[in-house]
């Protein structure tokens, strides 16, 4: 077993640890949280780079569905172009596995002392952890350069923060995480039978697009990142809606198109059809033009020659990414082995990015 696979297999256990920690009294001290900003609920600004940024999509979708203003910004863009948004009613939530990424270090140095900073971090002795007014540990343990456990733990810890900000009882969240852990264990117990047909369908494409909407954008972006890091594959994560605005012209039988099509109760009810129907229609349009589509879905879909249906467990609160990313991890690991690569070994990038 490779080092990367060891970390993939550890994910249900570390998620169980996060769940246990954040259900304990005082894990997120509300009085201290409330005291960080003048107005409640605050304007919440989530920021991070790479996996840390992608992990914020589920909690952002959860908060905005409740009418709480929440934004996600890449740290480099926030640092150089958007610092003036950080007013007295803003709660800045900085997510970083190491707490030492160059953009994060420069951001915290540029902030005024009175800025309210909450850190979600895996290294609790890091620069970010020391600057933070409040610390939410990821509790992922040792993490290789390819983010697996830290992505999963960030999503879960941030959702507990979202519930604290919204003043919601966490029992629903704790139950959803129990479902996630059971679903992950089920997939891992049957990894060979789950992964083999997916890998054979996927084969060795020249290019891959991963698409989703809402909280599942976390899967599209994180999945594309892992295919680049683990398989050295040209992969792009994008909004399924954006794909129709021109990029659909690239549809080609030598490419692969991964669509996350989950039911999402947080989606707004607007004219034009539910997002699950829009995703279904996109999958059919790509397939009808010769593209090969892999669907990660908790909804019935018809099997077609150019379609691979991966049935995933329904998960509430937009936390489906915790299951769907596991499928992509396993697929990427096997594709790397078949290509003669060492899964999880980076040749150019560093574990902690120190050059902007």
Foldseek 3Di string as FASTA:
>chain_A
DAPLVVLLVCQLVQLVVLLVQLVDPPLPPLVLVVVLADDAPFQEEEEEDALQQLLCQLLCLLLVLVVRHYYGDYLQCCLPPNVVVQDRRYAYEYEDAQLVFQSNVSNLVPDDLSGAYEYEYADCVHPNNVSHSHYNYLSQPDDFLQDDNSSLSSNLSSNSVSCSRVVHDCPLVSVLSVVLSVQSVVCVVVVVVQQVVVLVLQPAAQEEFEEEDGSCLSLRRSLQVQLCFFVVHHYYYDYLVVCVVPVLVVQDLRYEYEYEQEDAPSDDDDPDDDVNVVSLVSQVVSVVVNHQYEYAYCDDDDDDPRYHYRHGDHGYSSSSSSNSNSSSSSNSNVSNVVVVHRGRDGDPADSRHNDD
